N, C-alpha and C. Protein backbone atom coordinates (compact mmCIF):
# COMPACT_ATOMS: atom_id res chain seq x y z
N MET A 1 0.86 -1.16 0.00
CA MET A 1 0.00 0.00 0.00
C MET A 1 0.90 1.22 0.00
N SER A 2 0.59 2.19 -0.82
CA SER A 2 1.41 3.39 -0.84
C SER A 2 0.56 4.60 -0.48
N VAL A 3 1.18 5.51 0.24
CA VAL A 3 0.54 6.77 0.60
C VAL A 3 1.53 7.85 0.21
N GLU A 4 1.09 8.79 -0.60
CA GLU A 4 1.99 9.84 -1.08
C GLU A 4 1.40 11.21 -0.79
N ALA A 5 2.29 12.18 -0.64
CA ALA A 5 1.85 13.56 -0.44
C ALA A 5 1.53 14.18 -1.80
N ASP A 6 0.49 15.00 -1.84
CA ASP A 6 0.17 15.70 -3.09
C ASP A 6 0.97 17.01 -3.15
N GLU A 7 0.66 17.86 -4.13
CA GLU A 7 1.41 19.10 -4.33
C GLU A 7 1.39 20.01 -3.10
N THR A 8 0.31 19.96 -2.33
CA THR A 8 0.19 20.83 -1.16
C THR A 8 0.87 20.24 0.07
N GLY A 9 1.33 19.01 -0.03
CA GLY A 9 2.00 18.37 1.10
C GLY A 9 1.08 17.54 1.97
N SER A 10 -0.24 17.57 1.67
CA SER A 10 -1.14 16.75 2.48
C SER A 10 -1.07 15.30 2.00
N MET A 11 -1.33 14.40 2.90
CA MET A 11 -1.23 12.98 2.59
C MET A 11 -2.52 12.48 1.95
N ASN A 12 -2.36 11.71 0.90
CA ASN A 12 -3.51 11.10 0.24
C ASN A 12 -3.77 9.74 0.87
N THR A 13 -5.02 9.38 0.97
CA THR A 13 -5.33 8.04 1.47
C THR A 13 -5.15 7.04 0.35
N PRO A 14 -4.78 5.82 0.68
CA PRO A 14 -4.56 4.82 -0.37
C PRO A 14 -5.85 4.50 -1.11
N THR A 15 -5.73 4.22 -2.36
CA THR A 15 -6.88 3.81 -3.17
C THR A 15 -6.88 2.30 -3.28
N PRO A 16 -8.01 1.69 -3.61
CA PRO A 16 -8.04 0.23 -3.74
C PRO A 16 -7.02 -0.29 -4.75
N GLU A 17 -6.72 0.49 -5.79
CA GLU A 17 -5.75 0.04 -6.78
C GLU A 17 -4.35 -0.03 -6.20
N SER A 18 -4.03 0.88 -5.25
CA SER A 18 -2.68 0.91 -4.70
C SER A 18 -2.51 -0.04 -3.52
N ALA A 19 -3.61 -0.48 -2.95
CA ALA A 19 -3.55 -1.41 -1.82
C ALA A 19 -3.43 -2.83 -2.36
N HIS A 20 -2.75 -3.68 -1.61
CA HIS A 20 -2.64 -5.07 -2.03
C HIS A 20 -2.83 -5.98 -0.82
N ALA A 21 -3.29 -7.16 -1.08
CA ALA A 21 -3.51 -8.12 0.00
C ALA A 21 -2.17 -8.66 0.48
N ALA A 22 -2.08 -8.90 1.76
CA ALA A 22 -0.86 -9.46 2.33
C ALA A 22 -0.69 -10.91 1.88
N ASP A 23 0.53 -11.28 1.64
CA ASP A 23 0.85 -12.66 1.27
C ASP A 23 0.80 -13.52 2.53
N PRO A 24 -0.02 -14.56 2.57
CA PRO A 24 -0.10 -15.40 3.77
C PRO A 24 1.25 -15.98 4.18
N ALA A 25 2.16 -16.16 3.24
CA ALA A 25 3.49 -16.70 3.57
C ALA A 25 4.26 -15.74 4.47
N ASP A 26 3.93 -14.44 4.41
CA ASP A 26 4.60 -13.47 5.27
C ASP A 26 4.27 -13.69 6.74
N PHE A 27 3.18 -14.39 7.01
CA PHE A 27 2.74 -14.59 8.38
C PHE A 27 2.89 -16.03 8.84
N ALA A 28 3.59 -16.85 8.06
CA ALA A 28 3.78 -18.25 8.42
C ALA A 28 4.64 -18.35 9.67
N PRO A 29 4.33 -19.30 10.54
CA PRO A 29 5.16 -19.47 11.74
C PRO A 29 6.56 -19.93 11.35
N PHE A 30 7.50 -19.72 12.24
CA PHE A 30 8.87 -20.16 11.99
C PHE A 30 8.89 -21.67 11.78
N SER A 31 9.72 -22.12 10.86
CA SER A 31 9.83 -23.56 10.65
C SER A 31 10.58 -24.19 11.82
N HIS A 32 10.30 -25.43 12.07
CA HIS A 32 10.87 -26.15 13.20
C HIS A 32 12.39 -26.16 13.12
N ARG A 33 13.05 -25.67 14.15
CA ARG A 33 14.51 -25.65 14.29
C ARG A 33 15.23 -24.78 13.27
N ALA A 34 14.50 -23.89 12.61
CA ALA A 34 15.13 -23.00 11.63
C ALA A 34 16.08 -22.01 12.29
N LEU A 35 15.90 -21.75 13.58
CA LEU A 35 16.72 -20.76 14.28
C LEU A 35 17.67 -21.41 15.28
N SER A 36 17.93 -22.67 15.13
CA SER A 36 18.82 -23.39 16.04
C SER A 36 20.19 -22.71 16.08
N GLY A 37 20.68 -22.46 17.29
CA GLY A 37 21.98 -21.81 17.46
C GLY A 37 21.93 -20.30 17.42
N LYS A 38 20.76 -19.72 17.23
CA LYS A 38 20.62 -18.26 17.18
C LYS A 38 20.14 -17.75 18.54
N VAL A 39 20.40 -16.48 18.82
CA VAL A 39 19.97 -15.84 20.05
C VAL A 39 18.98 -14.74 19.70
N ALA A 40 17.87 -14.67 20.43
CA ALA A 40 16.87 -13.63 20.21
C ALA A 40 16.63 -12.88 21.51
N LEU A 41 16.55 -11.57 21.44
CA LEU A 41 16.20 -10.73 22.58
C LEU A 41 14.81 -10.19 22.31
N VAL A 42 13.87 -10.50 23.19
CA VAL A 42 12.49 -10.07 23.00
C VAL A 42 12.10 -9.14 24.14
N ALA A 43 11.88 -7.88 23.83
CA ALA A 43 11.42 -6.91 24.82
C ALA A 43 9.90 -7.01 24.93
N GLY A 44 9.38 -6.87 26.12
CA GLY A 44 7.94 -6.94 26.32
C GLY A 44 7.41 -8.35 26.24
N ALA A 45 8.22 -9.32 26.66
CA ALA A 45 7.86 -10.73 26.48
C ALA A 45 7.09 -11.33 27.64
N THR A 46 6.66 -10.52 28.60
CA THR A 46 5.95 -11.08 29.74
C THR A 46 4.47 -11.33 29.45
N ARG A 47 3.96 -10.73 28.39
CA ARG A 47 2.54 -10.95 28.06
C ARG A 47 2.26 -10.54 26.62
N GLY A 48 1.10 -10.89 26.16
CA GLY A 48 0.61 -10.47 24.85
C GLY A 48 1.45 -10.92 23.67
N ALA A 49 1.60 -10.01 22.71
CA ALA A 49 2.30 -10.33 21.47
C ALA A 49 3.77 -10.68 21.71
N GLY A 50 4.42 -9.96 22.63
CA GLY A 50 5.81 -10.26 22.94
C GLY A 50 6.00 -11.67 23.45
N ARG A 51 5.09 -12.11 24.30
CA ARG A 51 5.16 -13.48 24.83
C ARG A 51 4.97 -14.50 23.72
N ALA A 52 4.02 -14.26 22.83
CA ALA A 52 3.77 -15.18 21.71
C ALA A 52 4.98 -15.24 20.78
N ILE A 53 5.59 -14.11 20.53
CA ILE A 53 6.78 -14.08 19.67
C ILE A 53 7.92 -14.84 20.32
N ALA A 54 8.14 -14.61 21.62
CA ALA A 54 9.21 -15.32 22.33
C ALA A 54 8.98 -16.83 22.29
N ARG A 55 7.75 -17.25 22.48
CA ARG A 55 7.42 -18.68 22.45
C ARG A 55 7.68 -19.26 21.06
N ASP A 56 7.29 -18.55 20.01
CA ASP A 56 7.51 -19.04 18.64
C ASP A 56 9.00 -19.11 18.31
N LEU A 57 9.76 -18.13 18.75
CA LEU A 57 11.20 -18.15 18.51
C LEU A 57 11.84 -19.35 19.21
N ALA A 58 11.43 -19.61 20.45
CA ALA A 58 11.96 -20.75 21.19
C ALA A 58 11.58 -22.07 20.51
N ARG A 59 10.37 -22.16 20.05
CA ARG A 59 9.94 -23.38 19.34
C ARG A 59 10.74 -23.60 18.07
N ALA A 60 11.21 -22.50 17.48
CA ALA A 60 12.00 -22.61 16.25
C ALA A 60 13.47 -22.89 16.55
N GLY A 61 13.81 -23.02 17.83
CA GLY A 61 15.16 -23.42 18.20
C GLY A 61 16.07 -22.32 18.70
N ALA A 62 15.60 -21.09 18.75
CA ALA A 62 16.44 -19.98 19.21
C ALA A 62 16.56 -19.99 20.73
N PHE A 63 17.69 -19.51 21.23
CA PHE A 63 17.84 -19.23 22.65
C PHE A 63 17.22 -17.86 22.84
N VAL A 64 16.19 -17.75 23.67
CA VAL A 64 15.43 -16.51 23.80
C VAL A 64 15.69 -15.88 25.15
N HIS A 65 16.11 -14.62 25.14
CA HIS A 65 16.28 -13.84 26.36
C HIS A 65 15.12 -12.86 26.40
N CYS A 66 14.31 -12.95 27.44
CA CYS A 66 13.09 -12.13 27.54
C CYS A 66 13.29 -11.00 28.55
N THR A 67 12.78 -9.83 28.21
CA THR A 67 12.75 -8.71 29.15
C THR A 67 11.34 -8.18 29.21
N GLY A 68 11.01 -7.60 30.38
CA GLY A 68 9.73 -6.96 30.63
C GLY A 68 8.69 -7.34 29.74
């Protein structure tokens, strides 16, 4: 999706032609052991999205260091 400023500097909203659907492959979970031997630092890993990301990284084989 692109958003561009017009001649006056104001931002235009995206049009349906300029917007595109996300590729589902962009959101695929990490493959099993794809991150073996890697280290990940996840901030905000005590709850919510940060916790889910930390869990997925660990499942993929990464050593995960979690903060707050």
